[in-house]
């Protein structure tokens, strides 16, 4: 992926919403973005008590024109480096994931940023459901914020399954964290090992299968990373046998990652609701920020998707 030019942040202007606004503003400055737009997703009553969260030059901030929906508010604003600011869409009574996706498509957002958690359990549950739907509907990358930003991303974990989606996630992560240290992680599973374990086969025989599978996984991971082309970040690569989600959690904790990047496959509610997915579990339980991409281009990975 090339330069991140336009960022949309969807915020309810709560404490966690302001974390998302701050991260979007920091990314906009660090990446020299052309525009960072704040889209209000709170109701009109809450909007009356808001003030601008972005520390931007007043000449570059334009309040949204919400005259057709009621009095204009000051918070949802657009920061731009050019001379032609684009008005931010401000609904009068809250907005759902479909409207966020529509706005991102309309302004050509390279990244949509929003909070992953909320103040209490019920609000947090609603936020998770909203974010599941946002990611399911979106063809554009989404960054879910779990932590208050204090600095640029320093340690990034990229979950790799050799799909086009994980290739997109890797390239975008490299773009949004130009000064970070990276770990590229592939969690692999070997059917023979699982069958041997179930039948009580000696560990020596299983170790042979695991070693061969790990060598093959490392070779594919090296090929995957090489296909990313020139980069300036330091990259550590690791392949580990196990179920992806716990493996990702363990490595995120071990490396003190402040961002996990992962690709989302397809848009099926059936997969998310009934079969589950790595992405869904990361949304629900991750403690660090989460960057999610869905490949919608003709781009393909250097190797075929893992079985």
C-alpha atoms as a PDB file:
ATOM      1  CA  UNK A   1       0.000   0.000   0.000  1.00  0.00           C
ATOM      2  CA  UNK A   2       1.162   3.558  -0.729  1.00  0.00           C
ATOM      3  CA  UNK A   3       0.931   6.613   1.491  1.00  0.00           C
ATOM      4  CA  UNK A   4      -2.020   7.024   3.852  1.00  0.00           C
ATOM      5  CA  UNK A   5      -3.598  10.258   2.601  1.00  0.00           C
ATOM      6  CA  UNK A   6      -7.076  10.404   4.147  1.00  0.00           C
ATOM      7  CA  UNK A   7      -8.125   9.203   7.606  1.00  0.00           C
ATOM      8  CA  UNK A   8     -11.697   9.028   8.903  1.00  0.00           C
ATOM      9  CA  UNK A   9     -12.216   8.783  12.658  1.00  0.00           C
ATOM     10  CA  UNK A  10     -15.699   7.791  13.880  1.00  0.00           C
ATOM     11  CA  UNK A  11     -16.115   8.981  17.459  1.00  0.00           C
ATOM     12  CA  UNK A  12     -18.818   9.287  20.106  1.00  0.00           C
ATOM     13  CA  UNK A  13     -16.501  11.754  21.915  1.00  0.00           C
ATOM     14  CA  UNK A  14     -16.424   9.657  25.079  1.00  0.00           C
ATOM     15  CA  UNK A  15     -13.093   9.077  26.841  1.00  0.00           C
ATOM     16  CA  UNK A  16     -12.326   6.157  24.542  1.00  0.00           C
ATOM     17  CA  UNK A  17     -13.663   8.024  21.542  1.00  0.00           C
ATOM     18  CA  UNK A  18     -11.164  10.796  22.280  1.00  0.00           C
ATOM     19  CA  UNK A  19      -8.409   8.163  22.321  1.00  0.00           C
ATOM     20  CA  UNK A  20      -9.396   7.274  18.761  1.00  0.00           C
ATOM     21  CA  UNK A  21      -9.435  10.954  17.780  1.00  0.00           C
ATOM     22  CA  UNK A  22      -5.976  11.464  19.284  1.00  0.00           C
ATOM     23  CA  UNK A  23      -4.509   8.437  17.516  1.00  0.00           C
ATOM     24  CA  UNK A  24      -5.975   9.578  14.198  1.00  0.00           C
ATOM     25  CA  UNK A  25      -4.513  13.050  14.695  1.00  0.00           C
ATOM     26  CA  UNK A  26      -1.110  11.585  15.605  1.00  0.00           C
ATOM     27  CA  UNK A  27      -1.130   9.350  12.545  1.00  0.00           C
ATOM     28  CA  UNK A  28      -2.169  12.263  10.364  1.00  0.00           C
ATOM     29  CA  UNK A  29       0.812  14.291  11.560  1.00  0.00           C
ATOM     30  CA  UNK A  30       3.312  11.415  11.488  1.00  0.00           C
ATOM     31  CA  UNK A  31       2.289  10.204   8.030  1.00  0.00           C
ATOM     32  CA  UNK A  32       1.818  13.702   6.590  1.00  0.00           C
ATOM     33  CA  UNK A  33      -1.776  12.858   5.684  1.00  0.00           C
ATOM     34  CA  UNK A  34      -3.803  15.226   3.538  1.00  0.00           C
ATOM     35  CA  UNK A  35      -6.939  14.959   5.684  1.00  0.00           C
ATOM     36  CA  UNK A  36      -8.141  13.666   9.044  1.00  0.00           C
ATOM     37  CA  UNK A  37     -11.919  13.838   9.315  1.00  0.00           C
ATOM     38  CA  UNK A  38     -13.845  13.406  12.560  1.00  0.00           C
ATOM     39  CA  UNK A  39     -17.301  11.895  12.106  1.00  0.00           C
ATOM     40  CA  UNK A  40     -19.663  12.174  15.062  1.00  0.00           C
ATOM     41  CA  UNK A  41     -21.497   8.970  15.973  1.00  0.00           C
ATOM     42  CA  UNK A  42     -23.146  10.277  19.157  1.00  0.00           C
ATOM     43  CA  UNK A  43     -26.630  11.636  19.635  1.00  0.00           C
ATOM     44  CA  UNK A  44     -27.622  15.307  19.489  1.00  0.00           C
ATOM     45  CA  UNK A  45     -27.992  15.660  23.258  1.00  0.00           C
ATOM     46  CA  UNK A  46     -24.386  14.628  23.824  1.00  0.00           C
ATOM     47  CA  UNK A  47     -23.131  16.828  20.996  1.00  0.00           C
ATOM     48  CA  UNK A  48     -24.237  20.019  22.762  1.00  0.00           C
ATOM     49  CA  UNK A  49     -21.496  19.610  25.368  1.00  0.00           C
ATOM     50  CA  UNK A  50     -18.553  18.840  23.122  1.00  0.00           C
ATOM     51  CA  UNK A  51     -15.425  20.779  22.311  1.00  0.00           C
ATOM     52  CA  UNK A  52     -12.834  20.193  19.609  1.00  0.00           C
ATOM     53  CA  UNK A  53     -10.417  17.330  20.452  1.00  0.00           C
ATOM     54  CA  UNK A  54      -7.893  17.918  17.661  1.00  0.00           C
ATOM     55  CA  UNK A  55      -5.023  20.325  18.165  1.00  0.00           C
ATOM     56  CA  UNK A  56      -5.112  21.696  14.647  1.00  0.00           C
ATOM     57  CA  UNK A  57      -4.558  25.106  13.160  1.00  0.00           C
ATOM     58  CA  UNK A  58      -7.951  26.889  13.185  1.00  0.00           C
ATOM     59  CA  UNK A  59      -7.360  27.801   9.542  1.00  0.00           C
ATOM     60  CA  UNK A  60      -7.424  24.092   8.701  1.00  0.00           C
ATOM     61  CA  UNK A  61     -10.496  23.183  10.740  1.00  0.00           C
ATOM     62  CA  UNK A  62     -13.961  23.483   9.257  1.00  0.00           C
ATOM     63  CA  UNK A  63     -17.066  22.878  11.359  1.00  0.00           C
ATOM     64  CA  UNK A  64     -19.642  20.672   9.694  1.00  0.00           C
ATOM     65  CA  UNK A  65     -22.772  22.181   8.272  1.00  0.00           C
ATOM     66  CA  UNK A  66     -25.600  20.368  10.028  1.00  0.00           C
ATOM     67  CA  UNK A  67     -28.202  23.067   9.499  1.00  0.00           C
ATOM     68  CA  UNK A  68     -30.634  20.647   7.912  1.00  0.00           C
ATOM     69  CA  UNK A  69     -30.477  18.465  11.052  1.00  0.00           C
ATOM     70  CA  UNK A  70     -30.430  21.128  13.724  1.00  0.00           C
ATOM     71  CA  UNK A  71     -27.864  23.569  15.192  1.00  0.00           C
ATOM     72  CA  UNK A  72     -24.299  23.154  13.955  1.00  0.00           C
ATOM     73  CA  UNK A  73     -21.776  21.659  16.376  1.00  0.00           C
ATOM     74  CA  UNK A  74     -18.088  22.405  16.678  1.00  0.00           C
ATOM     75  CA  UNK A  75     -16.506  19.015  17.357  1.00  0.00           C
ATOM     76  CA  UNK A  76     -16.878  17.075  14.100  1.00  0.00           C
ATOM     77  CA  UNK A  77     -14.274  18.872  12.031  1.00  0.00           C
ATOM     78  CA  UNK A  78     -11.974  18.193   9.133  1.00  0.00           C
ATOM     79  CA  UNK A  79      -8.266  18.869   9.148  1.00  0.00           C
ATOM     80  CA  UNK A  80      -6.827  19.350   5.675  1.00  0.00           C
ATOM     81  CA  UNK A  81      -3.531  20.519   4.238  1.00  0.00           C
ATOM     82  CA  UNK A  82      -5.072  21.774   0.994  1.00  0.00           C
ATOM     83  CA  UNK A  83      -7.233  24.821   0.390  1.00  0.00           C
ATOM     84  CA  UNK A  84     -10.520  23.041  -0.320  1.00  0.00           C
ATOM     85  CA  UNK A  85     -11.871  21.460   2.873  1.00  0.00           C
ATOM     86  CA  UNK A  86     -14.585  18.842   2.508  1.00  0.00           C
ATOM     87  CA  UNK A  87     -17.535  19.056   4.859  1.00  0.00           C
ATOM     88  CA  UNK A  88     -17.828  16.308   7.492  1.00  0.00           C
ATOM     89  CA  UNK A  89     -21.156  14.482   7.720  1.00  0.00           C
ATOM     90  CA  UNK A  90     -22.755  14.965  11.132  1.00  0.00           C
ATOM     91  CA  UNK A  91     -25.935  13.021  11.877  1.00  0.00           C
ATOM     92  CA  UNK A  92     -28.352  14.385  14.416  1.00  0.00           C
ATOM     93  CA  UNK A  93     -29.189  11.202  16.325  1.00  0.00           C
ATOM     94  CA  UNK A  94     -26.287   8.785  16.097  1.00  0.00           C
ATOM     95  CA  UNK A  95     -25.009   6.766  13.184  1.00  0.00           C
ATOM     96  CA  UNK A  96     -24.451   3.103  12.430  1.00  0.00           C
ATOM     97  CA  UNK A  97     -21.688   1.122  10.755  1.00  0.00           C
ATOM     98  CA  UNK A  98     -23.264   1.367   7.290  1.00  0.00           C
ATOM     99  CA  UNK A  99     -23.142   5.180   7.398  1.00  0.00           C
ATOM    100  CA  UNK A 100     -19.511   5.103   8.540  1.00  0.00           C
ATOM    101  CA  UNK A 101     -18.614   2.807   5.650  1.00  0.00           C
ATOM    102  CA  UNK A 102     -20.532   5.035   3.218  1.00  0.00           C
ATOM    103  CA  UNK A 103     -18.674   8.109   4.468  1.00  0.00           C
ATOM    104  CA  UNK A 104     -15.305   6.360   4.232  1.00  0.00           C
ATOM    105  CA  UNK A 105     -16.087   5.382   0.646  1.00  0.00           C
ATOM    106  CA  UNK A 106     -17.275   8.881  -0.219  1.00  0.00           C
ATOM    107  CA  UNK A 107     -14.095  10.615   0.929  1.00  0.00           C
ATOM    108  CA  UNK A 108     -11.826   7.776  -0.214  1.00  0.00           C
ATOM    109  CA  UNK A 109     -10.508   7.110   3.292  1.00  0.00           C
ATOM    110  CA  UNK A 110      -7.362   5.007   3.394  1.00  0.00           C
ATOM    111  CA  UNK A 111      -8.048   4.221   7.044  1.00  0.00           C
ATOM    112  CA  UNK A 112     -11.068   4.342   9.364  1.00  0.00           C
ATOM    113  CA  UNK A 113     -10.271   4.768  13.068  1.00  0.00           C
ATOM    114  CA  UNK A 114     -12.697   4.122  15.927  1.00  0.00           C
ATOM    115  CA  UNK A 115     -12.693   3.095  19.597  1.00  0.00           C
ATOM    116  CA  UNK A 116     -12.797  -0.588  20.467  1.00  0.00           C
ATOM    117  CA  UNK A 117     -14.030  -0.296  24.056  1.00  0.00           C
ATOM    118  CA  UNK A 118     -16.303   1.830  26.225  1.00  0.00           C
ATOM    119  CA  UNK A 119     -16.801   2.927  29.813  1.00  0.00           C
ATOM    120  CA  UNK A 120     -18.993   0.057  31.016  1.00  0.00           C
ATOM    121  CA  UNK A 121     -19.908  -3.517  30.100  1.00  0.00           C
ATOM    122  CA  UNK A 122     -23.156  -2.755  28.254  1.00  0.00           C
ATOM    123  CA  UNK A 123     -21.683   0.102  26.245  1.00  0.00           C
ATOM    124  CA  UNK A 124     -18.629  -2.045  25.526  1.00  0.00           C
ATOM    125  CA  UNK A 125     -20.824  -4.879  24.251  1.00  0.00           C
ATOM    126  CA  UNK A 126     -22.668  -2.482  21.932  1.00  0.00           C
ATOM    127  CA  UNK A 127     -19.326  -1.106  20.689  1.00  0.00           C
ATOM    128  CA  UNK A 128     -18.028  -4.612  19.922  1.00  0.00           C
ATOM    129  CA  UNK A 129     -21.170  -5.516  17.995  1.00  0.00           C
ATOM    130  CA  UNK A 130     -20.932  -2.238  16.072  1.00  0.00           C
ATOM    131  CA  UNK A 131     -17.290  -2.851  15.261  1.00  0.00           C
ATOM    132  CA  UNK A 132     -17.985  -6.414  14.109  1.00  0.00           C
ATOM    133  CA  UNK A 133     -20.553  -5.043  11.680  1.00  0.00           C
ATOM    134  CA  UNK A 134     -18.291  -2.160  10.617  1.00  0.00           C
ATOM    135  CA  UNK A 135     -15.491  -4.551   9.715  1.00  0.00           C
ATOM    136  CA  UNK A 136     -17.865  -6.979   8.028  1.00  0.00           C
ATOM    137  CA  UNK A 137     -19.250  -4.234   5.783  1.00  0.00           C
ATOM    138  CA  UNK A 138     -16.050  -2.348   5.082  1.00  0.00           C
ATOM    139  CA  UNK A 139     -13.793  -2.856   2.074  1.00  0.00           C
ATOM    140  CA  UNK A 140     -11.360  -0.382   3.614  1.00  0.00           C
ATOM    141  CA  UNK A 141      -8.927  -0.851   6.511  1.00  0.00           C
ATOM    142  CA  UNK A 142     -10.202  -0.267  10.047  1.00  0.00           C
ATOM    143  CA  UNK A 143      -8.059   0.607  13.075  1.00  0.00           C
ATOM    144  CA  UNK A 144      -9.655  -0.229  16.442  1.00  0.00           C
ATOM    145  CA  UNK A 145      -8.218   1.717  19.378  1.00  0.00           C
ATOM    146  CA  UNK A 146      -7.911  -0.006  22.757  1.00  0.00           C
ATOM    147  CA  UNK A 147      -5.314   2.202  24.419  1.00  0.00           C
ATOM    148  CA  UNK A 148      -4.753   5.882  25.032  1.00  0.00           C
ATOM    149  CA  UNK A 149      -2.051   6.917  22.556  1.00  0.00           C
ATOM    150  CA  UNK A 150       1.099   8.379  24.066  1.00  0.00           C
ATOM    151  CA  UNK A 151       3.557   7.909  21.195  1.00  0.00           C
ATOM    152  CA  UNK A 152       3.883   6.504  17.693  1.00  0.00           C
ATOM    153  CA  UNK A 153       3.511   2.750  17.395  1.00  0.00           C
ATOM    154  CA  UNK A 154       6.735   1.093  18.518  1.00  0.00           C
ATOM    155  CA  UNK A 155       6.133  -2.660  18.364  1.00  0.00           C
ATOM    156  CA  UNK A 156       3.811  -4.212  15.768  1.00  0.00           C
ATOM    157  CA  UNK A 157       2.739  -7.836  15.438  1.00  0.00           C
ATOM    158  CA  UNK A 158       1.546  -8.914  11.974  1.00  0.00           C
ATOM    159  CA  UNK A 159      -0.447 -12.166  11.867  1.00  0.00           C
ATOM    160  CA  UNK A 160       0.332 -13.916   8.570  1.00  0.00           C
ATOM    161  CA  UNK A 161      -1.683 -16.697   6.946  1.00  0.00           C
ATOM    162  CA  UNK A 162      -0.264 -16.109   3.440  1.00  0.00           C
ATOM    163  CA  UNK A 163      -3.570 -14.803   2.110  1.00  0.00           C
ATOM    164  CA  UNK A 164      -4.103 -11.637   0.096  1.00  0.00           C
ATOM    165  CA  UNK A 165      -5.774 -10.155   3.178  1.00  0.00           C
ATOM    166  CA  UNK A 166      -2.716 -10.678   5.382  1.00  0.00           C
ATOM    167  CA  UNK A 167      -0.524  -9.240   2.623  1.00  0.00           C
ATOM    168  CA  UNK A 168      -2.700  -6.110   2.687  1.00  0.00           C
ATOM    169  CA  UNK A 169      -2.464  -6.006   6.489  1.00  0.00           C
ATOM    170  CA  UNK A 170       1.328  -6.294   6.384  1.00  0.00           C
ATOM    171  CA  UNK A 171       1.731  -3.515   3.831  1.00  0.00           C
ATOM    172  CA  UNK A 172      -0.620  -1.155   5.631  1.00  0.00           C
ATOM    173  CA  UNK A 173       1.026  -1.850   8.999  1.00  0.00           C
ATOM    174  CA  UNK A 174       4.411  -0.958   7.500  1.00  0.00           C
ATOM    175  CA  UNK A 175       2.864   2.251   6.168  1.00  0.00           C
ATOM    176  CA  UNK A 176       1.216   3.366   9.441  1.00  0.00           C
ATOM    177  CA  UNK A 177       4.160   2.442  11.707  1.00  0.00           C
ATOM    178  CA  UNK A 178       7.254   3.594   9.814  1.00  0.00           C
ATOM    179  CA  UNK A 179       9.495   3.678  12.908  1.00  0.00           C
ATOM    180  CA  UNK A 180       8.268   0.522  14.689  1.00  0.00           C
ATOM    181  CA  UNK A 181       9.876  -2.845  15.235  1.00  0.00           C
ATOM    182  CA  UNK A 182       7.897  -5.627  13.567  1.00  0.00           C
ATOM    183  CA  UNK A 183       7.219  -9.274  14.305  1.00  0.00           C
ATOM    184  CA  UNK A 184       5.710 -11.304  11.472  1.00  0.00           C
ATOM    185  CA  UNK A 185       4.024 -14.358  12.969  1.00  0.00           C
ATOM    186  CA  UNK A 186       2.609 -17.447  11.261  1.00  0.00           C
ATOM    187  CA  UNK A 187       0.718 -19.955  13.405  1.00  0.00           C
ATOM    188  CA  UNK A 188       0.627 -23.330  11.653  1.00  0.00           C
ATOM    189  CA  UNK A 189      -1.145 -26.573  12.441  1.00  0.00           C
ATOM    190  CA  UNK A 190      -0.185 -30.085  11.320  1.00  0.00           C
ATOM    191  CA  UNK A 191      -2.964 -32.652  11.098  1.00  0.00           C
ATOM    192  CA  UNK A 192      -0.518 -35.545  11.600  1.00  0.00           C
ATOM    193  CA  UNK A 193       0.646 -34.113  14.926  1.00  0.00           C
ATOM    194  CA  UNK A 194      -2.895 -33.661  16.182  1.00  0.00           C
ATOM    195  CA  UNK A 195      -3.793 -37.230  15.186  1.00  0.00           C
ATOM    196  CA  UNK A 196      -0.634 -38.579  16.840  1.00  0.00           C
ATOM    197  CA  UNK A 197      -1.408 -36.680  20.029  1.00  0.00           C
ATOM    198  CA  UNK A 198      -4.931 -38.103  20.092  1.00  0.00           C
ATOM    199  CA  UNK A 199      -3.577 -41.649  19.716  1.00  0.00           C
ATOM    200  CA  UNK A 200      -0.720 -41.301  22.205  1.00  0.00           C
ATOM    201  CA  UNK A 201       2.149 -41.569  19.718  1.00  0.00           C
ATOM    202  CA  UNK A 202       5.662 -41.018  21.115  1.00  0.00           C
ATOM    203  CA  UNK A 203       6.794 -37.411  21.253  1.00  0.00           C
ATOM    204  CA  UNK A 204       9.961 -38.108  19.217  1.00  0.00           C
ATOM    205  CA  UNK A 205       7.900 -38.962  16.142  1.00  0.00           C
ATOM    206  CA  UNK A 206       5.761 -35.853  16.590  1.00  0.00           C
ATOM    207  CA  UNK A 207       8.828 -33.663  16.956  1.00  0.00           C
ATOM    208  CA  UNK A 208      10.060 -34.816  13.543  1.00  0.00           C
ATOM    209  CA  UNK A 209       6.796 -33.819  11.875  1.00  0.00           C
ATOM    210  CA  UNK A 210       6.723 -30.517  13.759  1.00  0.00           C
ATOM    211  CA  UNK A 211      10.304 -29.644  12.786  1.00  0.00           C
ATOM    212  CA  UNK A 212       9.652 -30.311   9.104  1.00  0.00           C
ATOM    213  CA  UNK A 213       6.421 -28.305   9.170  1.00  0.00           C
ATOM    214  CA  UNK A 214       8.138 -25.411  10.954  1.00  0.00           C
ATOM    215  CA  UNK A 215      10.949 -25.326   8.368  1.00  0.00           C
ATOM    216  CA  UNK A 216       8.389 -25.227   5.543  1.00  0.00           C
ATOM    217  CA  UNK A 217       6.418 -22.485   7.339  1.00  0.00           C
ATOM    218  CA  UNK A 218       9.548 -20.383   7.853  1.00  0.00           C
ATOM    219  CA  UNK A 219      10.437 -20.703   4.164  1.00  0.00           C
ATOM    220  CA  UNK A 220       6.972 -19.495   3.170  1.00  0.00           C
ATOM    221  CA  UNK A 221       7.160 -16.672   5.699  1.00  0.00           C
ATOM    222  CA  UNK A 222      10.515 -15.539   4.300  1.00  0.00           C
ATOM    223  CA  UNK A 223       9.048 -15.552   0.790  1.00  0.00           C
ATOM    224  CA  UNK A 224       6.028 -13.577   2.032  1.00  0.00           C
ATOM    225  CA  UNK A 225       8.223 -10.912   3.654  1.00  0.00           C
ATOM    226  CA  UNK A 226      10.520 -10.680   0.626  1.00  0.00           C
ATOM    227  CA  UNK A 227       7.493 -10.044  -1.595  1.00  0.00           C
ATOM    228  CA  UNK A 228       6.730  -6.877   0.386  1.00  0.00           C
ATOM    229  CA  UNK A 229       9.600  -5.145  -1.367  1.00  0.00           C
ATOM    230  CA  UNK A 230      11.948  -2.489   0.072  1.00  0.00           C
ATOM    231  CA  UNK A 231      11.272  -1.379   3.642  1.00  0.00           C
ATOM    232  CA  UNK A 232      13.160   0.396   6.378  1.00  0.00           C
ATOM    233  CA  UNK A 233      11.697  -1.344   9.420  1.00  0.00           C
ATOM    234  CA  UNK A 234      13.450  -4.104  11.319  1.00  0.00           C
ATOM    235  CA  UNK A 235      11.453  -7.354  11.004  1.00  0.00           C
ATOM    236  CA  UNK A 236      11.610 -10.418  13.233  1.00  0.00           C
ATOM    237  CA  UNK A 237       9.948 -13.503  11.787  1.00  0.00           C
ATOM    238  CA  UNK A 238       8.606 -16.516  13.639  1.00  0.00           C
ATOM    239  CA  UNK A 239       6.512 -19.606  12.888  1.00  0.00           C
ATOM    240  CA  UNK A 240       4.885 -21.556  15.683  1.00  0.00           C
ATOM    241  CA  UNK A 241       2.682 -24.642  15.815  1.00  0.00           C
ATOM    242  CA  UNK A 242      -0.648 -24.012  17.499  1.00  0.00           C
ATOM    243  CA  UNK A 243      -4.128 -22.502  17.308  1.00  0.00           C
ATOM    244  CA  UNK A 244      -3.779 -18.995  15.814  1.00  0.00           C
ATOM    245  CA  UNK A 245      -5.602 -16.873  18.397  1.00  0.00           C
ATOM    246  CA  UNK A 246      -3.742 -18.087  21.534  1.00  0.00           C
ATOM    247  CA  UNK A 247      -0.449 -18.010  19.626  1.00  0.00           C
ATOM    248  CA  UNK A 248      -1.102 -14.388  18.584  1.00  0.00           C
ATOM    249  CA  UNK A 249      -2.053 -13.397  22.147  1.00  0.00           C
ATOM    250  CA  UNK A 250       1.082 -15.006  23.578  1.00  0.00           C
ATOM    251  CA  UNK A 251       3.389 -13.265  21.118  1.00  0.00           C
ATOM    252  CA  UNK A 252       1.644  -9.917  21.546  1.00  0.00           C
ATOM    253  CA  UNK A 253       2.255 -10.147  25.290  1.00  0.00           C
ATOM    254  CA  UNK A 254       5.801 -11.449  24.864  1.00  0.00           C
ATOM    255  CA  UNK A 255       6.813  -8.653  22.490  1.00  0.00           C
ATOM    256  CA  UNK A 256       4.803  -5.930  24.308  1.00  0.00           C
ATOM    257  CA  UNK A 257       3.058  -5.165  21.014  1.00  0.00           C
ATOM    258  CA  UNK A 258       1.008  -1.971  20.877  1.00  0.00           C
ATOM    259  CA  UNK A 259      -0.551  -2.873  17.507  1.00  0.00           C
ATOM    260  CA  UNK A 260      -1.702  -6.152  15.936  1.00  0.00           C
ATOM    261  CA  UNK A 261      -2.348  -6.269  12.192  1.00  0.00           C
ATOM    262  CA  UNK A 262      -4.532  -8.995  10.724  1.00  0.00           C
ATOM    263  CA  UNK A 263      -6.463  -9.666   7.529  1.00  0.00           C
ATOM    264  CA  UNK A 264     -10.220 -10.306   7.559  1.00  0.00           C
ATOM    265  CA  UNK A 265     -11.578 -12.935   5.182  1.00  0.00           C
ATOM    266  CA  UNK A 266     -14.866 -12.224   3.427  1.00  0.00           C
ATOM    267  CA  UNK A 267     -18.072 -10.671   4.735  1.00  0.00           C
ATOM    268  CA  UNK A 268     -20.061 -13.677   5.884  1.00  0.00           C
ATOM    269  CA  UNK A 269     -22.152 -13.349   9.058  1.00  0.00           C
ATOM    270  CA  UNK A 270     -22.312 -17.157   9.149  1.00  0.00           C
ATOM    271  CA  UNK A 271     -18.552 -17.410   9.665  1.00  0.00           C
ATOM    272  CA  UNK A 272     -18.482 -14.715  12.335  1.00  0.00           C
ATOM    273  CA  UNK A 273     -21.560 -15.744  14.294  1.00  0.00           C
ATOM    274  CA  UNK A 274     -21.526 -19.529  14.072  1.00  0.00           C
ATOM    275  CA  UNK A 275     -17.997 -20.658  13.281  1.00  0.00           C
ATOM    276  CA  UNK A 276     -16.057 -17.787  14.787  1.00  0.00           C
ATOM    277  CA  UNK A 277     -12.865 -16.294  13.403  1.00  0.00           C
ATOM    278  CA  UNK A 278      -9.443 -15.166  14.534  1.00  0.00           C
ATOM    279  CA  UNK A 279     -10.388 -11.568  13.770  1.00  0.00           C
ATOM    280  CA  UNK A 280     -13.613 -11.770  15.774  1.00  0.00           C
ATOM    281  CA  UNK A 281     -11.833 -13.078  18.863  1.00  0.00           C
ATOM    282  CA  UNK A 282      -9.129 -10.442  18.552  1.00  0.00           C
ATOM    283  CA  UNK A 283     -11.808  -7.720  18.389  1.00  0.00           C
ATOM    284  CA  UNK A 284     -13.440  -9.075  21.530  1.00  0.00           C
ATOM    285  CA  UNK A 285     -10.381  -9.714  23.667  1.00  0.00           C
ATOM    286  CA  UNK A 286      -7.325  -7.837  22.374  1.00  0.00           C
ATOM    287  CA  UNK A 287      -5.766  -5.340  24.787  1.00  0.00           C
ATOM    288  CA  UNK A 288      -3.743  -3.480  22.168  1.00  0.00           C
ATOM    289  CA  UNK A 289      -4.831  -1.622  19.056  1.00  0.00           C
ATOM    290  CA  UNK A 290      -5.994  -3.758  16.142  1.00  0.00           C
ATOM    291  CA  UNK A 291      -5.528  -3.014  12.441  1.00  0.00           C
ATOM    292  CA  UNK A 292      -7.862  -5.030  10.193  1.00  0.00           C
ATOM    293  CA  UNK A 293      -7.823  -5.153   6.410  1.00  0.00           C
ATOM    294  CA  UNK A 294      -9.991  -6.865   3.834  1.00  0.00           C
ATOM    295  CA  UNK A 295      -8.468  -7.370   0.406  1.00  0.00           C
ATOM    296  CA  UNK A 296     -10.732  -5.998  -2.312  1.00  0.00           C
ATOM    297  CA  UNK A 297      -8.160  -5.582  -5.037  1.00  0.00           C
ATOM    298  CA  UNK A 298      -6.790  -8.007  -7.593  1.00  0.00           C
ATOM    299  CA  UNK A 299      -3.588  -8.230  -5.632  1.00  0.00           C
ATOM    300  CA  UNK A 300      -2.662 -11.729  -4.478  1.00  0.00           C
ATOM    301  CA  UNK A 301      -0.032 -13.041  -2.101  1.00  0.00           C
ATOM    302  CA  UNK A 302       3.237 -14.540  -3.223  1.00  0.00           C
ATOM    303  CA  UNK A 303       2.130 -17.996  -2.151  1.00  0.00           C
ATOM    304  CA  UNK A 304      -1.296 -19.665  -2.066  1.00  0.00           C
ATOM    305  CA  UNK A 305      -3.399 -19.389   1.089  1.00  0.00           C
ATOM    306  CA  UNK A 306      -2.657 -21.902   3.812  1.00  0.00           C
ATOM    307  CA  UNK A 307      -5.032 -24.804   4.139  1.00  0.00           C
END
